PDB file of all heavy atoms in Angstrom:
ATOM      1  N   CYS A   1       5.278 -12.251 -24.890  1.00  0.00           N
ATOM      2  CA  CYS A   1       5.808 -11.459 -23.805  1.00  0.00           C
ATOM      3  C   CYS A   1       4.756 -11.190 -22.751  1.00  0.00           C
ATOM      4  O   CYS A   1       3.593 -11.172 -23.082  1.00  0.00           O
ATOM      5  CB  CYS A   1       6.419 -10.126 -24.378  1.00  0.00           C
ATOM      6  SG  CYS A   1       7.553  -9.311 -23.253  1.00  0.00           S
ATOM      7  N   ILE A   2       5.254 -10.973 -21.579  1.00  0.00           N
ATOM      8  CA  ILE A   2       4.316 -10.623 -20.485  1.00  0.00           C
ATOM      9  C   ILE A   2       4.977  -9.591 -19.539  1.00  0.00           C
ATOM     10  O   ILE A   2       6.212  -9.722 -19.325  1.00  0.00           O
ATOM     11  CB  ILE A   2       3.902 -11.858 -19.709  1.00  0.00           C
ATOM     12  CG1 ILE A   2       2.786 -11.518 -18.685  1.00  0.00           C
ATOM     13  CG2 ILE A   2       5.040 -12.557 -19.007  1.00  0.00           C
ATOM     14  CD1 ILE A   2       2.071 -12.723 -18.147  1.00  0.00           C
ATOM     15  N   THR A   3       4.255  -8.646 -19.150  1.00  0.00           N
ATOM     16  CA  THR A   3       4.753  -7.659 -18.135  1.00  0.00           C
ATOM     17  C   THR A   3       4.409  -8.251 -16.663  1.00  0.00           C
ATOM     18  O   THR A   3       3.285  -8.621 -16.441  1.00  0.00           O
ATOM     19  CB  THR A   3       4.131  -6.294 -18.306  1.00  0.00           C
ATOM     20  OG1 THR A   3       2.698  -6.329 -18.117  1.00  0.00           O
ATOM     21  CG2 THR A   3       4.465  -5.751 -19.696  1.00  0.00           C
ATOM     22  N   THR A   4       5.429  -8.212 -15.897  1.00  0.00           N
ATOM     23  CA  THR A   4       5.280  -8.972 -14.596  1.00  0.00           C
ATOM     24  C   THR A   4       4.409  -8.176 -13.617  1.00  0.00           C
ATOM     25  O   THR A   4       3.898  -8.847 -12.676  1.00  0.00           O
ATOM     26  CB  THR A   4       6.623  -9.291 -14.015  1.00  0.00           C
ATOM     27  OG1 THR A   4       7.320  -8.017 -13.835  1.00  0.00           O
ATOM     28  CG2 THR A   4       7.403 -10.133 -14.909  1.00  0.00           C
ATOM     29  N   ARG A   5       4.335  -6.905 -13.618  1.00  0.00           N
ATOM     30  CA  ARG A   5       3.463  -6.082 -12.744  1.00  0.00           C
ATOM     31  C   ARG A   5       1.977  -6.146 -13.112  1.00  0.00           C
ATOM     32  O   ARG A   5       1.036  -6.464 -12.266  1.00  0.00           O
ATOM     33  CB  ARG A   5       3.939  -4.722 -12.635  1.00  0.00           C
ATOM     34  CG  ARG A   5       3.177  -3.904 -11.542  1.00  0.00           C
ATOM     35  CD  ARG A   5       3.491  -2.402 -11.659  1.00  0.00           C
ATOM     36  NE  ARG A   5       3.053  -1.784 -12.926  1.00  0.00           N
ATOM     37  CZ  ARG A   5       3.231  -0.556 -13.291  1.00  0.00           C
ATOM     38  NH1 ARG A   5       3.930   0.200 -12.503  1.00  0.00           N
ATOM     39  NH2 ARG A   5       2.761  -0.136 -14.434  1.00  0.00           N
ATOM     40  N   ASP A   6       1.681  -5.898 -14.338  1.00  0.00           N
ATOM     41  CA  ASP A   6       0.333  -5.719 -14.825  1.00  0.00           C
ATOM     42  C   ASP A   6      -0.254  -6.979 -15.443  1.00  0.00           C
ATOM     43  O   ASP A   6      -1.404  -7.112 -15.630  1.00  0.00           O
ATOM     44  CB  ASP A   6       0.150  -4.523 -15.817  1.00  0.00           C
ATOM     45  CG  ASP A   6       0.527  -3.195 -15.122  1.00  0.00           C
ATOM     46  OD1 ASP A   6       0.311  -3.097 -13.914  1.00  0.00           O
ATOM     47  OD2 ASP A   6       0.978  -2.297 -15.862  1.00  0.00           O
ATOM     48  N   GLY A   7       0.670  -7.866 -15.866  1.00  0.00           N
ATOM     49  CA  GLY A   7       0.200  -9.102 -16.535  1.00  0.00           C
ATOM     50  C   GLY A   7      -0.280  -8.925 -17.880  1.00  0.00           C
ATOM     51  O   GLY A   7      -1.044  -9.709 -18.418  1.00  0.00           O
ATOM     52  N   LYS A   8       0.097  -7.827 -18.559  1.00  0.00           N
ATOM     53  CA  LYS A   8      -0.246  -7.573 -19.926  1.00  0.00           C
ATOM     54  C   LYS A   8       0.541  -8.511 -20.829  1.00  0.00           C
ATOM     55  O   LYS A   8       1.715  -8.643 -20.658  1.00  0.00           O
ATOM     56  CB  LYS A   8       0.034  -6.142 -20.271  1.00  0.00           C
ATOM     57  CG  LYS A   8      -0.588  -5.736 -21.632  1.00  0.00           C
ATOM     58  CD  LYS A   8      -0.478  -4.301 -21.852  1.00  0.00           C
ATOM     59  CE  LYS A   8      -1.171  -3.808 -23.121  1.00  0.00           C
ATOM     60  NZ  LYS A   8      -1.029  -2.340 -23.425  1.00  0.00           N
ATOM     61  N   THR A   9      -0.196  -9.037 -21.788  1.00  0.00           N
ATOM     62  CA  THR A   9       0.402 -10.139 -22.702  1.00  0.00           C
ATOM     63  C   THR A   9       0.463  -9.660 -24.076  1.00  0.00           C
ATOM     64  O   THR A   9      -0.355  -8.840 -24.563  1.00  0.00           O
ATOM     65  CB  THR A   9      -0.338 -11.463 -22.603  1.00  0.00           C
ATOM     66  OG1 THR A   9      -1.732 -11.247 -22.930  1.00  0.00           O
ATOM     67  CG2 THR A   9      -0.295 -11.950 -21.173  1.00  0.00           C
ATOM     68  N   TYR A  10       1.406 -10.235 -24.794  1.00  0.00           N
ATOM     69  CA  TYR A  10       1.650  -9.878 -26.282  1.00  0.00           C
ATOM     70  C   TYR A  10       1.965 -11.181 -26.999  1.00  0.00           C
ATOM     71  O   TYR A  10       2.514 -12.096 -26.448  1.00  0.00           O
ATOM     72  CB  TYR A  10       2.821  -8.918 -26.394  1.00  0.00           C
ATOM     73  CG  TYR A  10       2.690  -7.639 -25.641  1.00  0.00           C
ATOM     74  CD1 TYR A  10       2.931  -7.577 -24.297  1.00  0.00           C
ATOM     75  CD2 TYR A  10       2.343  -6.484 -26.349  1.00  0.00           C
ATOM     76  CE1 TYR A  10       2.810  -6.368 -23.623  1.00  0.00           C
ATOM     77  CE2 TYR A  10       2.156  -5.253 -25.675  1.00  0.00           C
ATOM     78  CZ  TYR A  10       2.446  -5.164 -24.304  1.00  0.00           C
ATOM     79  OH  TYR A  10       2.308  -3.955 -23.690  1.00  0.00           O
ATOM     80  N   TYR A  11       1.426 -11.277 -28.230  1.00  0.00           N
ATOM     81  CA  TYR A  11       1.614 -12.499 -29.049  1.00  0.00           C
ATOM     82  C   TYR A  11       1.843 -12.055 -30.472  1.00  0.00           C
ATOM     83  O   TYR A  11       1.248 -11.149 -31.031  1.00  0.00           O
ATOM     84  CB  TYR A  11       0.373 -13.377 -28.985  1.00  0.00           C
ATOM     85  CG  TYR A  11      -0.031 -13.881 -27.640  1.00  0.00           C
ATOM     86  CD1 TYR A  11      -0.926 -13.246 -26.843  1.00  0.00           C
ATOM     87  CD2 TYR A  11       0.642 -15.045 -27.067  1.00  0.00           C
ATOM     88  CE1 TYR A  11      -1.263 -13.655 -25.602  1.00  0.00           C
ATOM     89  CE2 TYR A  11       0.282 -15.495 -25.898  1.00  0.00           C
ATOM     90  CZ  TYR A  11      -0.599 -14.853 -25.131  1.00  0.00           C
ATOM     91  OH  TYR A  11      -0.931 -15.305 -23.823  1.00  0.00           O
ATOM     92  N   GLN A  12       2.724 -12.816 -31.162  1.00  0.00           N
ATOM     93  CA  GLN A  12       2.875 -12.649 -32.577  1.00  0.00           C
ATOM     94  C   GLN A  12       1.767 -13.328 -33.220  1.00  0.00           C
ATOM     95  O   GLN A  12       1.219 -14.341 -32.717  1.00  0.00           O
ATOM     96  CB  GLN A  12       4.209 -13.307 -33.056  1.00  0.00           C
ATOM     97  CG  GLN A  12       5.448 -12.471 -32.653  1.00  0.00           C
ATOM     98  CD  GLN A  12       5.663 -11.255 -33.417  1.00  0.00           C
ATOM     99  OE1 GLN A  12       4.742 -10.406 -33.585  1.00  0.00           O
ATOM    100  NE2 GLN A  12       6.900 -11.105 -33.985  1.00  0.00           N
ATOM    101  N   PRO A  13       1.302 -12.950 -34.449  1.00  0.00           N
ATOM    102  CA  PRO A  13       0.196 -13.582 -35.065  1.00  0.00           C
ATOM    103  C   PRO A  13       0.314 -15.077 -35.339  1.00  0.00           C
ATOM    104  O   PRO A  13      -0.654 -15.771 -35.286  1.00  0.00           O
ATOM    105  CB  PRO A  13       0.042 -12.768 -36.403  1.00  0.00           C
ATOM    106  CG  PRO A  13       0.678 -11.512 -36.159  1.00  0.00           C
ATOM    107  CD  PRO A  13       1.794 -11.721 -35.177  1.00  0.00           C
ATOM    108  N   SER A  14       1.509 -15.519 -35.536  1.00  0.00           N
ATOM    109  CA  SER A  14       1.759 -16.960 -35.841  1.00  0.00           C
ATOM    110  C   SER A  14       1.356 -17.908 -34.635  1.00  0.00           C
ATOM    111  O   SER A  14       1.113 -19.032 -34.874  1.00  0.00           O
ATOM    112  CB  SER A  14       3.229 -17.178 -36.218  1.00  0.00           C
ATOM    113  OG  SER A  14       4.075 -16.865 -35.157  1.00  0.00           O
ATOM    114  N   VAL A  15       1.294 -17.318 -33.422  1.00  0.00           N
ATOM    115  CA  VAL A  15       1.000 -18.170 -32.213  1.00  0.00           C
ATOM    116  C   VAL A  15      -0.261 -17.673 -31.546  1.00  0.00           C
ATOM    117  O   VAL A  15      -0.746 -18.351 -30.628  1.00  0.00           O
ATOM    118  CB  VAL A  15       2.206 -18.228 -31.258  1.00  0.00           C
ATOM    119  CG1 VAL A  15       3.476 -18.636 -31.963  1.00  0.00           C
ATOM    120  CG2 VAL A  15       2.459 -16.800 -30.628  1.00  0.00           C
ATOM    121  N   ASP A  16      -0.744 -16.490 -31.922  1.00  0.00           N
ATOM    122  CA  ASP A  16      -1.863 -15.946 -31.255  1.00  0.00           C
ATOM    123  C   ASP A  16      -3.090 -16.943 -31.410  1.00  0.00           C
ATOM    124  O   ASP A  16      -3.393 -17.323 -32.509  1.00  0.00           O
ATOM    125  CB  ASP A  16      -2.279 -14.612 -31.843  1.00  0.00           C
ATOM    126  CG  ASP A  16      -3.208 -13.751 -30.976  1.00  0.00           C
ATOM    127  OD1 ASP A  16      -3.543 -14.216 -29.822  1.00  0.00           O
ATOM    128  OD2 ASP A  16      -3.700 -12.694 -31.448  1.00  0.00           O
ATOM    129  N   GLY A  17      -3.753 -17.229 -30.247  1.00  0.00           N
ATOM    130  CA  GLY A  17      -4.848 -18.147 -30.323  1.00  0.00           C
ATOM    131  C   GLY A  17      -4.410 -19.638 -30.054  1.00  0.00           C
ATOM    132  O   GLY A  17      -5.249 -20.443 -29.740  1.00  0.00           O
ATOM    133  N   ARG A  18      -3.122 -19.919 -30.135  1.00  0.00           N
ATOM    134  CA  ARG A  18      -2.603 -21.251 -29.822  1.00  0.00           C
ATOM    135  C   ARG A  18      -1.758 -21.274 -28.550  1.00  0.00           C
ATOM    136  O   ARG A  18      -1.826 -22.238 -27.818  1.00  0.00           O
ATOM    137  CB  ARG A  18      -1.773 -21.776 -31.032  1.00  0.00           C
ATOM    138  CG  ARG A  18      -2.541 -21.974 -32.337  1.00  0.00           C
ATOM    139  CD  ARG A  18      -1.715 -22.800 -33.302  1.00  0.00           C
ATOM    140  NE  ARG A  18      -0.500 -22.055 -33.604  1.00  0.00           N
ATOM    141  CZ  ARG A  18       0.773 -22.619 -33.607  1.00  0.00           C
ATOM    142  NH1 ARG A  18       0.911 -23.884 -33.271  1.00  0.00           N
ATOM    143  NH2 ARG A  18       1.803 -21.930 -33.960  1.00  0.00           N
ATOM    144  N   PHE A  19      -1.015 -20.218 -28.388  1.00  0.00           N
ATOM    145  CA  PHE A  19      -0.055 -20.168 -27.183  1.00  0.00           C
ATOM    146  C   PHE A  19      -0.595 -19.229 -26.172  1.00  0.00           C
ATOM    147  O   PHE A  19      -1.274 -18.208 -26.501  1.00  0.00           O
ATOM    148  CB  PHE A  19       1.245 -19.722 -27.648  1.00  0.00           C
ATOM    149  CG  PHE A  19       2.091 -20.682 -28.489  1.00  0.00           C
ATOM    150  CD1 PHE A  19       1.486 -21.828 -28.931  1.00  0.00           C
ATOM    151  CD2 PHE A  19       3.373 -20.454 -28.794  1.00  0.00           C
ATOM    152  CE1 PHE A  19       2.202 -22.691 -29.787  1.00  0.00           C
ATOM    153  CE2 PHE A  19       4.130 -21.288 -29.584  1.00  0.00           C
ATOM    154  CZ  PHE A  19       3.520 -22.472 -30.079  1.00  0.00           C
ATOM    155  N   ILE A  20      -0.390 -19.481 -24.868  1.00  0.00           N
ATOM    156  CA  ILE A  20      -0.791 -18.648 -23.804  1.00  0.00           C
ATOM    157  C   ILE A  20       0.409 -18.419 -22.854  1.00  0.00           C
ATOM    158  O   ILE A  20       0.947 -19.441 -22.355  1.00  0.00           O
ATOM    159  CB  ILE A  20      -1.976 -19.225 -23.016  1.00  0.00           C
ATOM    160  CG1 ILE A  20      -3.161 -19.492 -23.951  1.00  0.00           C
ATOM    161  CG2 ILE A  20      -2.377 -18.303 -21.858  1.00  0.00           C
ATOM    162  CD1 ILE A  20      -4.281 -20.241 -23.309  1.00  0.00           C
ATOM    163  N   ILE A  21       0.754 -17.142 -22.612  1.00  0.00           N
ATOM    164  CA  ILE A  21       1.813 -16.858 -21.677  1.00  0.00           C
ATOM    165  C   ILE A  21       1.212 -16.488 -20.309  1.00  0.00           C
ATOM    166  O   ILE A  21       0.179 -15.844 -20.255  1.00  0.00           O
ATOM    167  CB  ILE A  21       2.728 -15.727 -22.208  1.00  0.00           C
ATOM    168  CG1 ILE A  21       4.001 -15.624 -21.339  1.00  0.00           C
ATOM    169  CG2 ILE A  21       1.970 -14.465 -22.353  1.00  0.00           C
ATOM    170  CD1 ILE A  21       5.057 -14.702 -21.961  1.00  0.00           C
ATOM    171  N   SER A  22       1.827 -16.933 -19.276  1.00  0.00           N
ATOM    172  CA  SER A  22       1.344 -16.597 -17.860  1.00  0.00           C
ATOM    173  C   SER A  22       2.565 -16.498 -16.966  1.00  0.00           C
ATOM    174  O   SER A  22       3.675 -16.884 -17.337  1.00  0.00           O
ATOM    175  CB  SER A  22       0.383 -17.651 -17.398  1.00  0.00           C
ATOM    176  OG  SER A  22       0.937 -18.896 -17.294  1.00  0.00           O
ATOM    177  N   LYS A  23       2.299 -16.039 -15.738  1.00  0.00           N
ATOM    178  CA  LYS A  23       3.349 -15.854 -14.805  1.00  0.00           C
ATOM    179  C   LYS A  23       2.913 -16.263 -13.391  1.00  0.00           C
ATOM    180  O   LYS A  23       1.707 -16.239 -13.043  1.00  0.00           O
ATOM    181  CB  LYS A  23       3.779 -14.392 -14.815  1.00  0.00           C
ATOM    182  CG  LYS A  23       2.728 -13.381 -14.327  1.00  0.00           C
ATOM    183  CD  LYS A  23       3.320 -11.966 -14.379  1.00  0.00           C
ATOM    184  CE  LYS A  23       2.198 -10.967 -13.922  1.00  0.00           C
ATOM    185  NZ  LYS A  23       1.952 -11.107 -12.433  1.00  0.00           N
ATOM    186  N   ASP A  24       3.874 -16.562 -12.546  1.00  0.00           N
ATOM    187  CA  ASP A  24       3.690 -16.792 -11.092  1.00  0.00           C
ATOM    188  C   ASP A  24       4.849 -16.052 -10.482  1.00  0.00           C
ATOM    189  O   ASP A  24       5.924 -16.502 -10.305  1.00  0.00           O
ATOM    190  CB  ASP A  24       3.747 -18.280 -10.765  1.00  0.00           C
ATOM    191  CG  ASP A  24       3.478 -18.534  -9.334  1.00  0.00           C
ATOM    192  OD1 ASP A  24       3.419 -17.600  -8.570  1.00  0.00           O
ATOM    193  OD2 ASP A  24       3.172 -19.708  -8.974  1.00  0.00           O
ATOM    194  N   ALA A  25       4.554 -14.768 -10.008  1.00  0.00           N
ATOM    195  CA  ALA A  25       5.566 -13.884  -9.414  1.00  0.00           C
ATOM    196  C   ALA A  25       6.159 -14.489  -8.192  1.00  0.00           C
ATOM    197  O   ALA A  25       7.276 -14.208  -7.808  1.00  0.00           O
ATOM    198  CB  ALA A  25       4.960 -12.566  -9.246  1.00  0.00           C
ATOM    199  N   SER A  26       5.278 -15.211  -7.418  1.00  0.00           N
ATOM    200  CA  SER A  26       5.720 -15.767  -6.071  1.00  0.00           C
ATOM    201  C   SER A  26       6.905 -16.761  -6.320  1.00  0.00           C
ATOM    202  O   SER A  26       7.720 -16.941  -5.373  1.00  0.00           O
ATOM    203  CB  SER A  26       4.636 -16.413  -5.371  1.00  0.00           C
ATOM    204  OG  SER A  26       4.121 -17.567  -5.953  1.00  0.00           O
ATOM    205  N   THR A  27       6.904 -17.426  -7.425  1.00  0.00           N
ATOM    206  CA  THR A  27       8.020 -18.424  -7.630  1.00  0.00           C
ATOM    207  C   THR A  27       8.992 -17.992  -8.760  1.00  0.00           C
ATOM    208  O   THR A  27       9.959 -18.598  -9.032  1.00  0.00           O
ATOM    209  CB  THR A  27       7.434 -19.731  -8.131  1.00  0.00           C
ATOM    210  OG1 THR A  27       6.756 -19.574  -9.322  1.00  0.00           O
ATOM    211  CG2 THR A  27       6.513 -20.285  -7.050  1.00  0.00           C
ATOM    212  N   GLY A  28       8.779 -16.751  -9.219  1.00  0.00           N
ATOM    213  CA  GLY A  28       9.643 -16.195 -10.309  1.00  0.00           C
ATOM    214  C   GLY A  28       9.611 -17.007 -11.528  1.00  0.00           C
ATOM    215  O   GLY A  28      10.607 -17.171 -12.223  1.00  0.00           O
ATOM    216  N   THR A  29       8.472 -17.516 -11.952  1.00  0.00           N
ATOM    217  CA  THR A  29       8.379 -18.438 -13.077  1.00  0.00           C
ATOM    218  C   THR A  29       7.365 -17.841 -14.111  1.00  0.00           C
ATOM    219  O   THR A  29       6.310 -17.357 -13.755  1.00  0.00           O
ATOM    220  CB  THR A  29       7.887 -19.784 -12.619  1.00  0.00           C
ATOM    221  OG1 THR A  29       8.713 -20.332 -11.626  1.00  0.00           O
ATOM    222  CG2 THR A  29       7.848 -20.789 -13.838  1.00  0.00           C
ATOM    223  N   VAL A  30       7.706 -17.944 -15.387  1.00  0.00           N
ATOM    224  CA  VAL A  30       6.896 -17.565 -16.497  1.00  0.00           C
ATOM    225  C   VAL A  30       6.618 -18.873 -17.288  1.00  0.00           C
ATOM    226  O   VAL A  30       7.653 -19.539 -17.584  1.00  0.00           O
ATOM    227  CB  VAL A  30       7.490 -16.451 -17.309  1.00  0.00           C
ATOM    228  CG1 VAL A  30       6.690 -16.184 -18.589  1.00  0.00           C
ATOM    229  CG2 VAL A  30       7.613 -15.119 -16.478  1.00  0.00           C
ATOM    230  N   TYR A  31       5.405 -19.083 -17.721  1.00  0.00           N
ATOM    231  CA  TYR A  31       5.057 -20.235 -18.431  1.00  0.00           C
ATOM    232  C   TYR A  31       4.607 -19.917 -19.867  1.00  0.00           C
ATOM    233  O   TYR A  31       4.153 -18.757 -20.175  1.00  0.00           O
ATOM    234  CB  TYR A  31       3.898 -20.933 -17.748  1.00  0.00           C
ATOM    235  CG  TYR A  31       4.180 -21.371 -16.340  1.00  0.00           C
ATOM    236  CD1 TYR A  31       3.752 -20.587 -15.240  1.00  0.00           C
ATOM    237  CD2 TYR A  31       4.918 -22.533 -16.049  1.00  0.00           C
ATOM    238  CE1 TYR A  31       3.996 -20.998 -13.926  1.00  0.00           C
ATOM    239  CE2 TYR A  31       5.175 -22.913 -14.778  1.00  0.00           C
ATOM    240  CZ  TYR A  31       4.685 -22.173 -13.733  1.00  0.00           C
ATOM    241  OH  TYR A  31       4.931 -22.491 -12.432  1.00  0.00           O
ATOM    242  N   LEU A  32       4.834 -20.809 -20.764  1.00  0.00           N
ATOM    243  CA  LEU A  32       4.285 -20.734 -22.124  1.00  0.00           C
ATOM    244  C   LEU A  32       3.521 -22.061 -22.396  1.00  0.00           C
ATOM    245  O   LEU A  32       4.153 -23.097 -22.614  1.00  0.00           O
ATOM    246  CB  LEU A  32       5.326 -20.516 -23.124  1.00  0.00           C
ATOM    247  CG  LEU A  32       4.872 -20.230 -24.569  1.00  0.00           C
ATOM    248  CD1 LEU A  32       4.119 -18.954 -24.699  1.00  0.00           C
ATOM    249  CD2 LEU A  32       5.963 -20.293 -25.559  1.00  0.00           C
ATOM    250  N   GLN A  33       2.151 -21.924 -22.404  1.00  0.00           N
ATOM    251  CA  GLN A  33       1.371 -23.068 -22.768  1.00  0.00           C
ATOM    252  C   GLN A  33       1.181 -23.108 -24.247  1.00  0.00           C
ATOM    253  O   GLN A  33       0.727 -22.102 -24.862  1.00  0.00           O
ATOM    254  CB  GLN A  33      -0.021 -22.991 -22.126  1.00  0.00           C
ATOM    255  CG  GLN A  33      -1.002 -24.066 -22.466  1.00  0.00           C
ATOM    256  CD  GLN A  33      -0.550 -25.430 -22.009  1.00  0.00           C
ATOM    257  OE1 GLN A  33      -0.163 -25.571 -20.856  1.00  0.00           O
ATOM    258  NE2 GLN A  33      -0.645 -26.497 -22.877  1.00  0.00           N
ATOM    259  N   MET A  34       1.658 -24.133 -24.966  1.00  0.00           N
ATOM    260  CA  MET A  34       1.652 -24.256 -26.380  1.00  0.00           C
ATOM    261  C   MET A  34       0.659 -25.355 -26.795  1.00  0.00           C
ATOM    262  O   MET A  34       0.835 -26.514 -26.383  1.00  0.00           O
ATOM    263  CB  MET A  34       3.062 -24.575 -26.917  1.00  0.00           C
ATOM    264  CG  MET A  34       4.081 -23.629 -26.450  1.00  0.00           C
ATOM    265  SD  MET A  34       5.742 -23.865 -27.263  1.00  0.00           S
ATOM    266  CE  MET A  34       6.089 -25.466 -26.627  1.00  0.00           C
ATOM    267  N   ASN A  35      -0.349 -24.970 -27.512  1.00  0.00           N
ATOM    268  CA  ASN A  35      -1.406 -25.891 -27.988  1.00  0.00           C
ATOM    269  C   ASN A  35      -1.386 -25.986 -29.494  1.00  0.00           C
ATOM    270  O   ASN A  35      -0.959 -25.138 -30.194  1.00  0.00           O
ATOM    271  CB  ASN A  35      -2.830 -25.405 -27.515  1.00  0.00           C
ATOM    272  CG  ASN A  35      -2.936 -25.287 -25.975  1.00  0.00           C
ATOM    273  OD1 ASN A  35      -2.511 -26.137 -25.284  1.00  0.00           O
ATOM    274  ND2 ASN A  35      -3.463 -24.170 -25.523  1.00  0.00           N
TER     275      ASN A  35
END
């Protein structure tokens, strides 16, 4: 999860360290990079 104002991120332990969530408020897009 990500908060759109502050950009604070949250991860479950199963994906922490492998997945990265990010946002682009200008385009209204949230990304999930999965490694």
